[in-house]
């Protein structure tokens, strides 16, 4: 699930929720859309672009390297394609947060479900890519 804004206290978020609810009552609108901060949206878009470029470059050279603390994991062949699918899930997850901000309809629950699905599928694909690489399939 995505967070609304980074580094905010619960009191600030609660105050924003109360203001949003009051605006909805004053204007007769029952729904007030999510607000995702500009810096968070920009960060997610830039990270999505960076992940896309890294995945494309990795596929072009025939291997994707994931650095780790002591050494790097190198994915080649089928595991690299599975890793790219995991990267795609991360990209879709981040872009769903950006789209949720711009979508004024009352469907935040759908975005939360989509974010949870892409997160879980992404982790599963990362695990599968790792297992396939260890088994050298």
Protein backbone atom coordinates (compact mmCIF):
# COMPACT_ATOMS: atom_id res chain seq x y z
CA UNK A 1 0.00 0.00 0.00
CA UNK A 2 1.32 3.45 -0.76
CA UNK A 3 1.67 6.18 1.80
CA UNK A 4 0.04 9.55 1.42
CA UNK A 5 3.04 11.76 2.17
CA UNK A 6 6.47 11.12 3.63
CA UNK A 7 7.71 12.49 6.95
CA UNK A 8 4.37 13.76 8.22
CA UNK A 9 3.05 13.34 11.70
CA UNK A 10 -0.22 11.60 12.30
CA UNK A 11 -1.59 14.87 13.69
CA UNK A 12 -0.89 16.63 10.39
CA UNK A 13 -2.51 13.86 8.39
CA UNK A 14 -5.51 13.84 10.73
CA UNK A 15 -5.87 17.61 10.33
CA UNK A 16 -5.73 17.28 6.54
CA UNK A 17 -8.38 14.56 6.67
CA UNK A 18 -10.65 16.79 8.78
CA UNK A 19 -10.17 19.70 6.37
CA UNK A 20 -10.95 17.45 3.41
CA UNK A 21 -14.08 16.15 5.12
CA UNK A 22 -15.20 19.70 5.93
CA UNK A 23 -14.65 20.77 2.32
CA UNK A 24 -16.75 17.87 1.14
CA UNK A 25 -19.60 18.82 3.48
CA UNK A 26 -19.42 22.51 2.54
CA UNK A 27 -19.52 21.85 -1.18
CA UNK A 28 -21.99 18.99 -0.98
CA UNK A 29 -19.44 16.56 -2.36
CA UNK A 30 -19.33 13.26 -0.50
CA UNK A 31 -15.89 12.34 -1.83
CA UNK A 32 -12.64 14.28 -1.63
CA UNK A 33 -9.82 12.70 -3.70
CA UNK A 34 -6.42 11.71 -2.32
CA UNK A 35 -3.64 14.24 -2.28
CA UNK A 36 -0.17 12.85 -2.93
CA UNK A 37 2.60 15.42 -2.43
CA UNK A 38 4.38 16.80 -5.47
CA UNK A 39 7.86 15.68 -4.36
CA UNK A 40 6.64 12.11 -3.83
CA UNK A 41 4.96 12.03 -7.26
CA UNK A 42 8.08 13.40 -8.96
CA UNK A 43 10.27 10.88 -7.13
CA UNK A 44 8.05 7.98 -8.21
CA UNK A 45 8.03 9.10 -11.85
CA UNK A 46 11.82 9.54 -11.89
CA UNK A 47 12.36 6.18 -10.19
CA UNK A 48 10.05 4.54 -12.72
CA UNK A 49 12.06 6.04 -15.58
CA UNK A 50 15.32 4.93 -13.97
CA UNK A 51 14.10 1.36 -13.43
CA UNK A 52 12.83 1.20 -17.02
CA UNK A 53 16.18 2.40 -18.36
CA UNK A 54 18.13 -0.02 -16.13
CA UNK A 55 15.96 -2.98 -17.16
CA UNK A 56 16.22 -2.09 -20.85
CA UNK A 57 19.99 -1.70 -20.60
CA UNK A 58 20.26 -5.00 -18.73
CA UNK A 59 18.31 -6.82 -21.40
CA UNK A 60 20.40 -5.15 -24.11
CA UNK A 61 23.72 -6.34 -22.60
CA UNK A 62 22.29 -9.72 -21.65
CA UNK A 63 22.56 -9.49 -17.87
CA UNK A 64 21.07 -7.49 -15.03
CA UNK A 65 23.27 -6.80 -12.02
CA UNK A 66 21.69 -6.14 -8.63
CA UNK A 67 24.29 -4.83 -6.21
CA UNK A 68 24.27 -6.16 -2.65
CA UNK A 69 26.21 -5.41 0.50
CA UNK A 70 29.01 -7.97 0.03
CA UNK A 71 28.71 -8.82 -3.66
CA UNK A 72 26.39 -8.42 -6.63
CA UNK A 73 23.73 -10.76 -7.99
CA UNK A 74 23.95 -11.25 -11.75
CA UNK A 75 20.82 -12.42 -13.56
CA UNK A 76 21.18 -13.85 -17.08
CA UNK A 77 18.78 -15.55 -19.48
CA UNK A 78 15.34 -16.55 -18.18
CA UNK A 79 15.99 -15.21 -14.64
CA UNK A 80 16.78 -11.80 -16.17
CA UNK A 81 13.41 -11.74 -17.94
CA UNK A 82 11.64 -12.73 -14.72
CA UNK A 83 13.53 -9.95 -12.92
CA UNK A 84 12.38 -7.48 -15.59
CA UNK A 85 8.79 -8.56 -14.89
CA UNK A 86 9.41 -7.85 -11.18
CA UNK A 87 10.79 -4.43 -12.12
CA UNK A 88 7.67 -3.82 -14.21
CA UNK A 89 5.53 -4.52 -11.13
CA UNK A 90 7.54 -1.91 -9.18
CA UNK A 91 7.04 0.60 -11.98
CA UNK A 92 3.29 -0.04 -12.14
CA UNK A 93 3.06 0.23 -8.35
CA UNK A 94 4.72 3.64 -8.27
CA UNK A 95 2.80 4.98 -11.25
CA UNK A 96 -0.50 3.89 -9.69
CA UNK A 97 0.22 6.31 -6.82
CA UNK A 98 0.71 9.14 -9.32
CA UNK A 99 -2.46 8.20 -11.20
CA UNK A 100 -4.42 7.95 -7.95
CA UNK A 101 -3.55 11.58 -7.20
CA UNK A 102 -4.83 12.77 -10.58
CA UNK A 103 -7.94 10.56 -10.62
CA UNK A 104 -10.75 12.53 -9.00
CA UNK A 105 -13.19 9.60 -8.94
CA UNK A 106 -14.05 7.77 -5.73
CA UNK A 107 -11.97 4.65 -6.40
CA UNK A 108 -9.03 4.84 -3.98
CA UNK A 109 -9.83 1.30 -2.85
CA UNK A 110 -9.17 0.02 -6.40
CA UNK A 111 -5.80 1.77 -6.45
CA UNK A 112 -4.91 0.29 -3.05
CA UNK A 113 -5.83 -3.19 -4.26
CA UNK A 114 -3.80 -2.72 -7.43
CA UNK A 115 -0.82 -1.45 -5.43
CA UNK A 116 -1.02 -4.45 -3.09
CA UNK A 117 -1.30 -6.86 -6.04
CA UNK A 118 1.69 -5.36 -7.88
CA UNK A 119 3.74 -5.33 -4.68
CA UNK A 120 3.07 -8.98 -3.88
CA UNK A 121 3.53 -10.13 -7.49
CA UNK A 122 6.76 -8.13 -7.74
CA UNK A 123 8.22 -9.78 -4.63
CA UNK A 124 7.16 -13.21 -5.87
CA UNK A 125 8.79 -12.59 -9.24
CA UNK A 126 11.97 -11.36 -7.58
CA UNK A 127 12.08 -14.52 -5.47
CA UNK A 128 11.43 -16.68 -8.53
CA UNK A 129 14.18 -14.90 -10.49
CA UNK A 130 16.61 -15.47 -7.63
CA UNK A 131 15.72 -19.16 -7.35
CA UNK A 132 16.02 -19.64 -11.11
CA UNK A 133 19.41 -17.90 -11.12
CA UNK A 134 20.70 -19.97 -8.20
CA UNK A 135 19.55 -23.14 -9.96
CA UNK A 136 21.05 -21.70 -13.17
CA UNK A 137 18.01 -22.40 -15.29
